[in-house]
Amino acid sequence: MDQNSQKKIEELQLIEQNLSNLLMQKQNFQSRLLENENALKELEQTKKQSYKIIGNLLISMDKEKLKKDLTDEKEIFSLRIKNIEKQENKLKERATELQSEVLKNLNKDGK
C-alpha cells in the first residue's frame, strides 16, 4: 500500500473518531431538548407555583419568565443539533470520498 493510501486511511480513522464524538454530543443535546420540551409541556399544564433548579438550589420563578427561558434554551439546543448534523454530513461526505479513493488505489495496486 502506498503512502498516499495510508494517509487517507489514517484520515478515515480520524473522521470516524470525530463522527463518534459528534454522535455523543448530538445525543446529549437531543436528550436535553426532550427534557426541555417536557418541562415546557408541564409548565403549560400547571396552575401551581413554578420553580427552576439553579445549581443545588430550587428557586421560585415567574411562570412566564421560566417559559421564556425554556423556549430560549430549546432554540439553542435545536440550533446546536442542526450544526452537529451539518458537521456530520460533511464528515460523511469526506469519508465516502476517501473510501472511494483508497479502494481505487487498492484495485490499481492489485492488478
PDB file of N, CA and C in Angstrom:
ATOM      1  N   MET A   1       0.853  -1.180   0.000  1.00  0.00           N
ATOM      2  CA  MET A   1       0.000   0.000   0.000  1.00  0.00           C
ATOM      3  C   MET A   1       0.900   1.244   0.000  1.00  0.00           C
ATOM      4  N   ASP A   2       0.595   2.185  -0.864  1.00  0.00           N
ATOM      5  CA  ASP A   2       1.438   3.375  -0.949  1.00  0.00           C
ATOM      6  C   ASP A   2       1.162   4.329   0.207  1.00  0.00           C
ATOM      7  N   GLN A   3       2.054   5.300   0.356  1.00  0.00           N
ATOM      8  CA  GLN A   3       1.977   6.236   1.480  1.00  0.00           C
ATOM      9  C   GLN A   3       0.718   7.112   1.391  1.00  0.00           C
ATOM     10  N   ASN A   4       0.329   7.468   0.188  1.00  0.00           N
ATOM     11  CA  ASN A   4      -0.870   8.282  -0.007  1.00  0.00           C
ATOM     12  C   ASN A   4      -2.116   7.558   0.516  1.00  0.00           C
ATOM     13  N   SER A   5      -2.218   6.278   0.177  1.00  0.00           N
ATOM     14  CA  SER A   5      -3.361   5.486   0.656  1.00  0.00           C
ATOM     15  C   SER A   5      -3.336   5.355   2.175  1.00  0.00           C
ATOM     16  N   GLN A   6      -2.155   5.196   2.733  1.00  0.00           N
ATOM     17  CA  GLN A   6      -2.017   5.081   4.191  1.00  0.00           C
ATOM     18  C   GLN A   6      -2.500   6.356   4.878  1.00  0.00           C
ATOM     19  N   LYS A   7      -2.130   7.508   4.317  1.00  0.00           N
ATOM     20  CA  LYS A   7      -2.573   8.783   4.894  1.00  0.00           C
ATOM     21  C   LYS A   7      -4.094   8.917   4.820  1.00  0.00           C
ATOM     22  N   LYS A   8      -4.668   8.459   3.719  1.00  0.00           N
ATOM     23  CA  LYS A   8      -6.117   8.536   3.566  1.00  0.00           C
ATOM     24  C   LYS A   8      -6.823   7.616   4.555  1.00  0.00           C
ATOM     25  N   ILE A   9      -6.243   6.464   4.803  1.00  0.00           N
ATOM     26  CA  ILE A   9      -6.814   5.547   5.800  1.00  0.00           C
ATOM     27  C   ILE A   9      -6.739   6.161   7.186  1.00  0.00           C
ATOM     28  N   GLU A  10      -5.632   6.804   7.497  1.00  0.00           N
ATOM     29  CA  GLU A  10      -5.493   7.475   8.793  1.00  0.00           C
ATOM     30  C   GLU A  10      -6.511   8.604   8.926  1.00  0.00           C
ATOM     31  N   GLU A  11      -6.735   9.344   7.839  1.00  0.00           N
ATOM     32  CA  GLU A  11      -7.734  10.409   7.861  1.00  0.00           C
ATOM     33  C   GLU A  11      -9.129   9.824   8.061  1.00  0.00           C
ATOM     34  N   LEU A  12      -9.396   8.677   7.434  1.00  0.00           N
ATOM     35  CA  LEU A  12     -10.685   7.997   7.631  1.00  0.00           C
ATOM     36  C   LEU A  12     -10.891   7.615   9.093  1.00  0.00           C
ATOM     37  N   GLN A  13      -9.840   7.131   9.732  1.00  0.00           N
ATOM     38  CA  GLN A  13      -9.937   6.760  11.143  1.00  0.00           C
ATOM     39  C   GLN A  13     -10.217   7.987  12.007  1.00  0.00           C
ATOM     40  N   LEU A  14      -9.580   9.094  11.670  1.00  0.00           N
ATOM     41  CA  LEU A  14      -9.809  10.333  12.405  1.00  0.00           C
ATOM     42  C   LEU A  14     -11.249  10.818  12.208  1.00  0.00           C
ATOM     43  N   ILE A  15     -11.734  10.705  10.984  1.00  0.00           N
ATOM     44  CA  ILE A  15     -13.128  11.088  10.700  1.00  0.00           C
ATOM     45  C   ILE A  15     -14.079  10.212  11.508  1.00  0.00           C
ATOM     46  N   GLU A  16     -13.783   8.931  11.595  1.00  0.00           N
ATOM     47  CA  GLU A  16     -14.623   8.018  12.374  1.00  0.00           C
ATOM     48  C   GLU A  16     -14.673   8.428  13.840  1.00  0.00           C
ATOM     49  N   GLN A  17     -13.525   8.819  14.396  1.00  0.00           N
ATOM     50  CA  GLN A  17     -13.492   9.284  15.779  1.00  0.00           C
ATOM     51  C   GLN A  17     -14.304  10.566  15.941  1.00  0.00           C
ATOM     52  N   ASN A  18     -14.138  11.487  14.990  1.00  0.00           N
ATOM     53  CA  ASN A  18     -14.892  12.740  15.052  1.00  0.00           C
ATOM     54  C   ASN A  18     -16.398  12.489  14.953  1.00  0.00           C
ATOM     55  N   LEU A  19     -16.792  11.572  14.077  1.00  0.00           N
ATOM     56  CA  LEU A  19     -18.215  11.234  13.952  1.00  0.00           C
ATOM     57  C   LEU A  19     -18.747  10.648  15.251  1.00  0.00           C
ATOM     58  N   SER A  20     -17.946   9.827  15.889  1.00  0.00           N
ATOM     59  CA  SER A  20     -18.358   9.235  17.158  1.00  0.00           C
ATOM     60  C   SER A  20     -18.551  10.322  18.222  1.00  0.00           C
ATOM     61  N   ASN A  21     -17.621  11.270  18.277  1.00  0.00           N
ATOM     62  CA  ASN A  21     -17.739  12.382  19.234  1.00  0.00           C
ATOM     63  C   ASN A  21     -18.967  13.238  18.935  1.00  0.00           C
ATOM     64  N   LEU A  22     -19.206  13.506  17.654  1.00  0.00           N
ATOM     65  CA  LEU A  22     -20.378  14.298  17.277  1.00  0.00           C
ATOM     66  C   LEU A  22     -21.669  13.585  17.651  1.00  0.00           C
ATOM     67  N   LEU A  23     -21.685  12.272  17.467  1.00  0.00           N
ATOM     68  CA  LEU A  23     -22.876  11.499  17.812  1.00  0.00           C
ATOM     69  C   LEU A  23     -23.169  11.594  19.306  1.00  0.00           C
ATOM     70  N   MET A  24     -22.136  11.515  20.125  1.00  0.00           N
ATOM     71  CA  MET A  24     -22.341  11.641  21.575  1.00  0.00           C
ATOM     72  C   MET A  24     -22.870  13.029  21.932  1.00  0.00           C
ATOM     73  N   GLN A  25     -22.289  14.072  21.311  1.00  0.00           N
ATOM     74  CA  GLN A  25     -22.765  15.435  21.565  1.00  0.00           C
ATOM     75  C   GLN A  25     -24.218  15.591  21.126  1.00  0.00           C
ATOM     76  N   LYS A  26     -24.522  15.057  19.957  1.00  0.00           N
ATOM     77  CA  LYS A  26     -25.880  15.162  19.418  1.00  0.00           C
ATOM     78  C   LYS A  26     -26.882  14.469  20.342  1.00  0.00           C
ATOM     79  N   GLN A  27     -26.531  13.269  20.813  1.00  0.00           N
ATOM     80  CA  GLN A  27     -27.419  12.545  21.717  1.00  0.00           C
ATOM     81  C   GLN A  27     -27.635  13.327  23.010  1.00  0.00           C
ATOM     82  N   ASN A  28     -26.579  13.944  23.501  1.00  0.00           N
ATOM     83  CA  ASN A  28     -26.682  14.752  24.715  1.00  0.00           C
ATOM     84  C   ASN A  28     -27.642  15.917  24.506  1.00  0.00           C
ATOM     85  N   PHE A  29     -27.486  16.638  23.391  1.00  0.00           N
ATOM     86  CA  PHE A  29     -28.373  17.766  23.123  1.00  0.00           C
ATOM     87  C   PHE A  29     -29.804  17.310  22.852  1.00  0.00           C
ATOM     88  N   GLN A  30     -29.976  16.171  22.189  1.00  0.00           N
ATOM     89  CA  GLN A  30     -31.321  15.657  21.949  1.00  0.00           C
ATOM     90  C   GLN A  30     -32.004  15.302  23.264  1.00  0.00           C
ATOM     91  N   SER A  31     -31.244  14.726  24.176  1.00  0.00           N
ATOM     92  CA  SER A  31     -31.782  14.385  25.493  1.00  0.00           C
ATOM     93  C   SER A  31     -32.185  15.648  26.257  1.00  0.00           C
ATOM     94  N   ARG A  32     -31.321  16.655  26.220  1.00  0.00           N
ATOM     95  CA  ARG A  32     -31.622  17.907  26.898  1.00  0.00           C
ATOM     96  C   ARG A  32     -32.812  18.611  26.255  1.00  0.00           C
ATOM     97  N   LEU A  33     -32.911  18.518  24.928  1.00  0.00           N
ATOM     98  CA  LEU A  33     -34.039  19.107  24.217  1.00  0.00           C
ATOM     99  C   LEU A  33     -35.346  18.432  24.631  1.00  0.00           C
ATOM    100  N   LEU A  34     -35.325  17.116  24.736  1.00  0.00           N
ATOM    101  CA  LEU A  34     -36.513  16.375  25.158  1.00  0.00           C
ATOM    102  C   LEU A  34     -36.924  16.763  26.580  1.00  0.00           C
ATOM    103  N   GLU A  35     -35.951  16.862  27.485  1.00  0.00           N
ATOM    104  CA  GLU A  35     -36.243  17.298  28.857  1.00  0.00           C
ATOM    105  C   GLU A  35     -36.852  18.694  28.856  1.00  0.00           C
ATOM    106  N   ASN A  36     -36.284  19.557  28.035  1.00  0.00           N
ATOM    107  CA  ASN A  36     -36.767  20.931  27.932  1.00  0.00           C
ATOM    108  C   ASN A  36     -38.204  20.963  27.429  1.00  0.00           C
ATOM    109  N   GLU A  37     -38.492  20.178  26.378  1.00  0.00           N
ATOM    110  CA  GLU A  37     -39.852  20.135  25.829  1.00  0.00           C
ATOM    111  C   GLU A  37     -40.843  19.589  26.848  1.00  0.00           C
ATOM    112  N   ASN A  38     -40.427  18.587  27.600  1.00  0.00           N
ATOM    113  CA  ASN A  38     -41.297  18.032  28.654  1.00  0.00           C
ATOM    114  C   ASN A  38     -41.557  19.067  29.745  1.00  0.00           C
ATOM    115  N   ALA A  39     -40.525  19.830  30.102  1.00  0.00           N
ATOM    116  CA  ALA A  39     -40.691  20.866  31.123  1.00  0.00           C
ATOM    117  C   ALA A  39     -41.654  21.943  30.634  1.00  0.00           C
ATOM    118  N   LEU A  40     -41.522  22.321  29.358  1.00  0.00           N
ATOM    119  CA  LEU A  40     -42.448  23.316  28.796  1.00  0.00           C
ATOM    120  C   LEU A  40     -43.886  22.804  28.814  1.00  0.00           C
ATOM    121  N   LYS A  41     -44.059  21.535  28.484  1.00  0.00           N
ATOM    122  CA  LYS A  41     -45.402  20.938  28.476  1.00  0.00           C
ATOM    123  C   LYS A  41     -45.996  20.944  29.889  1.00  0.00           C
ATOM    124  N   GLU A  42     -45.191  20.556  30.857  1.00  0.00           N
ATOM    125  CA  GLU A  42     -45.662  20.548  32.253  1.00  0.00           C
ATOM    126  C   GLU A  42     -45.978  21.958  32.731  1.00  0.00           C
ATOM    127  N   LEU A  43     -45.155  22.903  32.320  1.00  0.00           N
ATOM    128  CA  LEU A  43     -45.354  24.287  32.724  1.00  0.00           C
ATOM    129  C   LEU A  43     -46.670  24.828  32.186  1.00  0.00           C
ATOM    130  N   GLU A  44     -47.027  24.430  30.981  1.00  0.00           N
ATOM    131  CA  GLU A  44     -48.289  24.856  30.372  1.00  0.00           C
ATOM    132  C   GLU A  44     -49.489  24.301  31.149  1.00  0.00           C
ATOM    133  N   GLN A  45     -49.344  23.092  31.673  1.00  0.00           N
ATOM    134  CA  GLN A  45     -50.472  22.416  32.315  1.00  0.00           C
ATOM    135  C   GLN A  45     -50.647  22.766  33.783  1.00  0.00           C
ATOM    136  N   THR A  46     -49.604  23.272  34.409  1.00  0.00           N
ATOM    137  CA  THR A  46     -49.691  23.504  35.847  1.00  0.00           C
ATOM    138  C   THR A  46     -50.290  24.863  36.178  1.00  0.00           C
ATOM    139  N   LYS A  47     -50.987  24.879  37.279  1.00  0.00           N
ATOM    140  CA  LYS A  47     -51.544  26.134  37.789  1.00  0.00           C
ATOM    141  C   LYS A  47     -50.774  26.562  39.045  1.00  0.00           C
ATOM    142  N   LYS A  48     -49.877  25.698  39.479  1.00  0.00           N
ATOM    143  CA  LYS A  48     -49.141  25.936  40.724  1.00  0.00           C
ATOM    144  C   LYS A  48     -47.933  26.834  40.491  1.00  0.00           C
ATOM    145  N   GLN A  49     -47.255  27.166  41.593  1.00  0.00           N
ATOM    146  CA  GLN A  49     -46.035  27.972  41.553  1.00  0.00           C
ATOM    147  C   GLN A  49     -44.964  27.248  40.722  1.00  0.00           C
ATOM    148  N   SER A  50     -44.189  28.009  39.951  1.00  0.00           N
ATOM    149  CA  SER A  50     -43.138  27.440  39.121  1.00  0.00           C
ATOM    150  C   SER A  50     -41.781  27.619  39.799  1.00  0.00           C
ATOM    151  N   TYR A  51     -40.903  26.641  39.570  1.00  0.00           N
ATOM    152  CA  TYR A  51     -39.575  26.660  40.160  1.00  0.00           C
ATOM    153  C   TYR A  51     -38.539  26.298  39.106  1.00  0.00           C
ATOM    154  N   LYS A  52     -37.329  26.770  39.348  1.00  0.00           N
ATOM    155  CA  LYS A  52     -36.213  26.433  38.469  1.00  0.00           C
ATOM    156  C   LYS A  52     -35.053  25.983  39.342  1.00  0.00           C
ATOM    157  N   ILE A  53     -34.387  24.916  38.885  1.00  0.00           N
ATOM    158  CA  ILE A  53     -33.215  24.433  39.602  1.00  0.00           C
ATOM    159  C   ILE A  53     -31.999  25.186  39.077  1.00  0.00           C
ATOM    160  N   ILE A  54     -31.300  25.849  39.983  1.00  0.00           N
ATOM    161  CA  ILE A  54     -30.069  26.556  39.642  1.00  0.00           C
ATOM    162  C   ILE A  54     -28.984  26.018  40.560  1.00  0.00           C
ATOM    163  N   GLY A  55     -28.094  25.217  39.984  1.00  0.00           N
ATOM    164  CA  GLY A  55     -27.077  24.557  40.795  1.00  0.00           C
ATOM    165  C   GLY A  55     -27.750  23.575  41.727  1.00  0.00           C
ATOM    166  N   ASN A  56     -27.549  23.759  43.022  1.00  0.00           N
ATOM    167  CA  ASN A  56     -28.179  22.890  44.019  1.00  0.00           C
ATOM    168  C   ASN A  56     -29.414  23.524  44.641  1.00  0.00           C
ATOM    169  N   LEU A  57     -29.850  24.657  44.096  1.00  0.00           N
ATOM    170  CA  LEU A  57     -30.975  25.386  44.679  1.00  0.00           C
ATOM    171  C   LEU A  57     -32.218  25.283  43.812  1.00  0.00           C
ATOM    172  N   LEU A  58     -33.352  25.269  44.456  1.00  0.00           N
ATOM    173  CA  LEU A  58     -34.643  25.308  43.786  1.00  0.00           C
ATOM    174  C   LEU A  58     -35.209  26.708  44.020  1.00  0.00           C
ATOM    175  N   ILE A  59     -35.315  27.493  42.952  1.00  0.00           N
ATOM    176  CA  ILE A  59     -35.692  28.893  43.055  1.00  0.00           C
ATOM    177  C   ILE A  59     -37.105  29.094  42.505  1.00  0.00           C
ATOM    178  N   SER A  60     -37.925  29.811  43.258  1.00  0.00           N
ATOM    179  CA  SER A  60     -39.261  30.172  42.797  1.00  0.00           C
ATOM    180  C   SER A  60     -39.102  31.166  41.650  1.00  0.00           C
ATOM    181  N   MET A  61     -39.900  30.969  40.590  1.00  0.00           N
ATOM    182  CA  MET A  61     -39.739  31.817  39.412  1.00  0.00           C
ATOM    183  C   MET A  61     -41.086  32.090  38.772  1.00  0.00           C
ATOM    184  N   ASP A  62     -41.227  33.283  38.217  1.00  0.00           N
ATOM    185  CA  ASP A  62     -42.423  33.647  37.483  1.00  0.00           C
ATOM    186  C   ASP A  62     -42.614  32.676  36.312  1.00  0.00           C
ATOM    187  N   LYS A  63     -43.840  32.220  36.131  1.00  0.00           N
ATOM    188  CA  LYS A  63     -44.137  31.215  35.108  1.00  0.00           C
ATOM    189  C   LYS A  63     -43.764  31.698  33.703  1.00  0.00           C
ATOM    190  N   GLU A  64     -44.085  32.939  33.373  1.00  0.00           N
ATOM    191  CA  GLU A  64     -43.782  33.466  32.038  1.00  0.00           C
ATOM    192  C   GLU A  64     -42.277  33.615  31.814  1.00  0.00           C
ATOM    193  N   LYS A  65     -41.559  34.024  32.856  1.00  0.00           N
ATOM    194  CA  LYS A  65     -40.094  34.147  32.760  1.00  0.00           C
ATOM    195  C   LYS A  65     -39.472  32.772  32.549  1.00  0.00           C
ATOM    196  N   LEU A  66     -39.957  31.794  33.293  1.00  0.00           N
ATOM    197  CA  LEU A  66     -39.449  30.428  33.154  1.00  0.00           C
ATOM    198  C   LEU A  66     -39.762  29.880  31.767  1.00  0.00           C
ATOM    199  N   LYS A  67     -40.957  30.165  31.289  1.00  0.00           N
ATOM    200  CA  LYS A  67     -41.359  29.725  29.952  1.00  0.00           C
ATOM    201  C   LYS A  67     -40.440  30.321  28.884  1.00  0.00           C
ATOM    202  N   LYS A  68     -40.122  31.612  29.025  1.00  0.00           N
ATOM    203  CA  LYS A  68     -39.222  32.271  28.079  1.00  0.00           C
ATOM    204  C   LYS A  68     -37.832  31.646  28.141  1.00  0.00           C
ATOM    205  N   ASP A  69     -37.323  31.392  29.339  1.00  0.00           N
ATOM    206  CA  ASP A  69     -36.011  30.770  29.497  1.00  0.00           C
ATOM    207  C   ASP A  69     -35.969  29.398  28.829  1.00  0.00           C
ATOM    208  N   LEU A  70     -37.013  28.606  29.062  1.00  0.00           N
ATOM    209  CA  LEU A  70     -37.072  27.265  28.476  1.00  0.00           C
ATOM    210  C   LEU A  70     -37.178  27.325  26.949  1.00  0.00           C
ATOM    211  N   THR A  71     -37.939  28.268  26.453  1.00  0.00           N
ATOM    212  CA  THR A  71     -38.079  28.427  24.999  1.00  0.00           C
ATOM    213  C   THR A  71     -36.745  28.837  24.377  1.00  0.00           C
ATOM    214  N   ASP A  72     -36.032  29.752  25.030  1.00  0.00           N
ATOM    215  CA  ASP A  72     -34.713  30.168  24.544  1.00  0.00           C
ATOM    216  C   ASP A  72     -33.737  28.983  24.531  1.00  0.00           C
ATOM    217  N   GLU A  73     -33.740  28.197  25.615  1.00  0.00           N
ATOM    218  CA  GLU A  73     -32.877  27.014  25.678  1.00  0.00           C
ATOM    219  C   GLU A  73     -33.237  26.027  24.566  1.00  0.00           C
ATOM    220  N   LYS A  74     -34.512  25.853  24.326  1.00  0.00           N
ATOM    221  CA  LYS A  74     -34.970  24.939  23.283  1.00  0.00           C
ATOM    222  C   LYS A  74     -34.414  25.353  21.920  1.00  0.00           C
ATOM    223  N   GLU A  75     -34.454  26.652  21.636  1.00  0.00           N
ATOM    224  CA  GLU A  75     -33.909  27.153  20.370  1.00  0.00           C
ATOM    225  C   GLU A  75     -32.410  26.884  20.273  1.00  0.00           C
ATOM    226  N   ILE A  76     -31.703  27.103  21.368  1.00  0.00           N
ATOM    227  CA  ILE A  76     -30.254  26.872  21.384  1.00  0.00           C
ATOM    228  C   ILE A  76     -29.952  25.401  21.131  1.00  0.00           C
ATOM    229  N   PHE A  77     -30.663  24.503  21.826  1.00  0.00           N
ATOM    230  CA  PHE A  77     -30.435  23.071  21.631  1.00  0.00           C
ATOM    231  C   PHE A  77     -30.727  22.661  20.186  1.00  0.00           C
ATOM    232  N   SER A  78     -31.808  23.177  19.627  1.00  0.00           N
ATOM    233  CA  SER A  78     -32.166  22.850  18.246  1.00  0.00           C
ATOM    234  C   SER A  78     -31.095  23.330  17.275  1.00  0.00           C
ATOM    235  N   LEU A  79     -30.588  24.538  17.486  1.00  0.00           N
ATOM    236  CA  LEU A  79     -29.527  25.066  16.619  1.00  0.00           C
ATOM    237  C   LEU A  79     -28.251  24.233  16.725  1.00  0.00           C
ATOM    238  N   ARG A  80     -27.908  23.841  17.937  1.00  0.00           N
ATOM    239  CA  ARG A  80     -26.697  23.032  18.117  1.00  0.00           C
ATOM    240  C   ARG A  80     -26.837  21.668  17.439  1.00  0.00           C
ATOM    241  N   ILE A  81     -28.013  21.093  17.539  1.00  0.00           N
ATOM    242  CA  ILE A  81     -28.256  19.800  16.881  1.00  0.00           C
ATOM    243  C   ILE A  81     -28.126  19.951  15.370  1.00  0.00           C
ATOM    244  N   LYS A  82     -28.708  21.016  14.809  1.00  0.00           N
ATOM    245  CA  LYS A  82     -28.601  21.253  13.371  1.00  0.00           C
ATOM    246  C   LYS A  82     -27.150  21.452  12.953  1.00  0.00           C
ATOM    247  N   ASN A  83     -26.399  22.185  13.757  1.00  0.00           N
ATOM    248  CA  ASN A  83     -24.985  22.422  13.469  1.00  0.00           C
ATOM    249  C   ASN A  83     -24.201  21.108  13.476  1.00  0.00           C
ATOM    250  N   ILE A  84     -24.465  20.284  14.459  1.00  0.00           N
ATOM    251  CA  ILE A  84     -23.798  18.986  14.549  1.00  0.00           C
ATOM    252  C   ILE A  84     -24.154  18.122  13.347  1.00  0.00           C
ATOM    253  N   GLU A  85     -25.417  18.153  12.932  1.00  0.00           N
ATOM    254  CA  GLU A  85     -25.844  17.364  11.775  1.00  0.00           C
ATOM    255  C   GLU A  85     -25.142  17.822  10.499  1.00  0.00           C
ATOM    256  N   LYS A  86     -24.937  19.138  10.358  1.00  0.00           N
ATOM    257  CA  LYS A  86     -24.192  19.647   9.206  1.00  0.00           C
ATOM    258  C   LYS A  86     -22.752  19.134   9.231  1.00  0.00           C
ATOM    259  N   GLN A  87     -22.129  19.176  10.403  1.00  0.00           N
ATOM    260  CA  GLN A  87     -20.765  18.677  10.537  1.00  0.00           C
ATOM    261  C   GLN A  87     -20.704  17.187  10.214  1.00  0.00           C
ATOM    262  N   GLU A  88     -21.684  16.445  10.718  1.00  0.00           N
ATOM    263  CA  GLU A  88     -21.757  15.007  10.436  1.00  0.00           C
ATOM    264  C   GLU A  88     -21.818  14.745   8.936  1.00  0.00           C
ATOM    265  N   ASN A  89     -22.681  15.474   8.257  1.00  0.00           N
ATOM    266  CA  ASN A  89     -22.850  15.277   6.815  1.00  0.00           C
ATOM    267  C   ASN A  89     -21.564  15.574   6.051  1.00  0.00           C
ATOM    268  N   LYS A  90     -20.868  16.650   6.425  1.00  0.00           N
ATOM    269  CA  LYS A  90     -19.600  16.986   5.768  1.00  0.00           C
ATOM    270  C   LYS A  90     -18.569  15.883   5.990  1.00  0.00           C
ATOM    271  N   LEU A  91     -18.501  15.389   7.225  1.00  0.00           N
ATOM    272  CA  LEU A  91     -17.540  14.330   7.524  1.00  0.00           C
ATOM    273  C   LEU A  91     -17.882  13.041   6.776  1.00  0.00           C
ATOM    274  N   LYS A  92     -19.156  12.728   6.691  1.00  0.00           N
ATOM    275  CA  LYS A  92     -19.578  11.522   5.972  1.00  0.00           C
ATOM    276  C   LYS A  92     -19.248  11.631   4.488  1.00  0.00           C
ATOM    277  N   GLU A  93     -19.462  12.817   3.921  1.00  0.00           N
ATOM    278  CA  GLU A  93     -19.118  13.026   2.512  1.00  0.00           C
ATOM    279  C   GLU A  93     -17.625  12.839   2.287  1.00  0.00           C
ATOM    280  N   ARG A  94     -16.826  13.422   3.164  1.00  0.00           N
ATOM    281  CA  ARG A  94     -15.360  13.291   3.052  1.00  0.00           C
ATOM    282  C   ARG A  94     -14.950  11.832   3.213  1.00  0.00           C
ATOM    283  N   ALA A  95     -15.560  11.131   4.135  1.00  0.00           N
ATOM    284  CA  ALA A  95     -15.239   9.714   4.353  1.00  0.00           C
ATOM    285  C   ALA A  95     -15.558   8.901   3.107  1.00  0.00           C
ATOM    286  N   THR A  96     -16.681   9.192   2.474  1.00  0.00           N
ATOM    287  CA  THR A  96     -17.063   8.476   1.258  1.00  0.00           C
ATOM    288  C   THR A  96     -16.046   8.723   0.147  1.00  0.00           C
ATOM    289  N   GLU A  97     -15.617   9.988   0.010  1.00  0.00           N
ATOM    290  CA  GLU A  97     -14.593  10.316  -0.986  1.00  0.00           C
ATOM    291  C   GLU A  97     -13.312   9.534  -0.727  1.00  0.00           C
ATOM    292  N   LEU A  98     -12.864   9.563   0.516  1.00  0.00           N
ATOM    293  CA  LEU A  98     -11.615   8.880   0.875  1.00  0.00           C
ATOM    294  C   LEU A  98     -11.718   7.380   0.639  1.00  0.00           C
ATOM    295  N   GLN A  99     -12.834   6.789   1.034  1.00  0.00           N
ATOM    296  CA  GLN A  99     -13.016   5.349   0.820  1.00  0.00           C
ATOM    297  C   GLN A  99     -12.935   5.011  -0.656  1.00  0.00           C
ATOM    298  N   SER A 100     -13.568   5.825  -1.470  1.00  0.00           N
ATOM    299  CA  SER A 100     -13.552   5.604  -2.913  1.00  0.00           C
ATOM    300  C   SER A 100     -12.131   5.695  -3.466  1.00  0.00           C
ATOM    301  N   GLU A 101     -11.388   6.699  -3.029  1.00  0.00           N
ATOM    302  CA  GLU A 101     -10.015   6.877  -3.488  1.00  0.00           C
ATOM    303  C   GLU A 101      -9.117   5.719  -3.051  1.00  0.00           C
ATOM    304  N   VAL A 102      -9.270   5.297  -1.807  1.00  0.00           N
ATOM    305  CA  VAL A 102      -8.449   4.194  -1.293  1.00  0.00           C
ATOM    306  C   VAL A 102      -8.764   2.910  -2.048  1.00  0.00           C
ATOM    307  N   LEU A 103     -10.048   2.642  -2.252  1.00  0.00           N
ATOM    308  CA  LEU A 103     -10.433   1.429  -2.987  1.00  0.00           C
ATOM    309  C   LEU A 103      -9.920   1.466  -4.421  1.00  0.00           C
ATOM    310  N   LYS A 104      -9.975   2.631  -5.036  1.00  0.00           N
ATOM    311  CA  LYS A 104      -9.470   2.776  -6.403  1.00  0.00           C
ATOM    312  C   LYS A 104      -7.965   2.471  -6.442  1.00  0.00           C
ATOM    313  N   ASN A 105      -7.227   3.005  -5.463  1.00  0.00           N
ATOM    314  CA  ASN A 105      -5.777   2.758  -5.378  1.00  0.00           C
ATOM    315  C   ASN A 105      -5.477   1.278  -5.111  1.00  0.00           C
ATOM    316  N   LEU A 106      -6.276   0.668  -4.243  1.00  0.00           N
ATOM    317  CA  LEU A 106      -6.054  -0.752  -3.927  1.00  0.00           C
ATOM    318  C   LEU A 106      -6.326  -1.622  -5.147  1.00  0.00           C
ATOM    319  N   ASN A 107      -7.376  -1.286  -5.882  1.00  0.00           N
ATOM    320  CA  ASN A 107      -7.687  -2.044  -7.084  1.00  0.00           C
ATOM    321  C   ASN A 107      -6.604  -1.875  -8.157  1.00  0.00           C
ATOM    322  N   LYS A 108      -6.030  -0.673  -8.250  1.00  0.00           N
ATOM    323  CA  LYS A 108      -4.934  -0.414  -9.182  1.00  0.00           C
ATOM    324  C   LYS A 108      -3.716  -1.248  -8.804  1.00  0.00           C
ATOM    325  N   ASP A 109      -3.395  -1.228  -7.498  1.00  0.00           N
ATOM    326  CA  ASP A 109      -2.231  -1.968  -6.998  1.00  0.00           C
ATOM    327  C   ASP A 109      -2.410  -3.464  -7.129  1.00  0.00           C
ATOM    328  N   GLY A 110      -3.653  -3.920  -7.039  1.00  0.00           N
ATOM    329  CA  GLY A 110      -3.940  -5.350  -7.082  1.00  0.00           C
ATOM    330  C   GLY A 110      -3.883  -5.919  -8.499  1.00  0.00           C
ATOM    331  N   LYS A 111      -3.946  -5.097  -9.511  1.00  0.00           N
ATOM    332  CA  LYS A 111      -3.953  -5.593 -10.896  1.00  0.00           C
ATOM    333  C   LYS A 111      -2.589  -5.911 -11.390  1.00  0.00           C
TER     334      LYS A 111
END
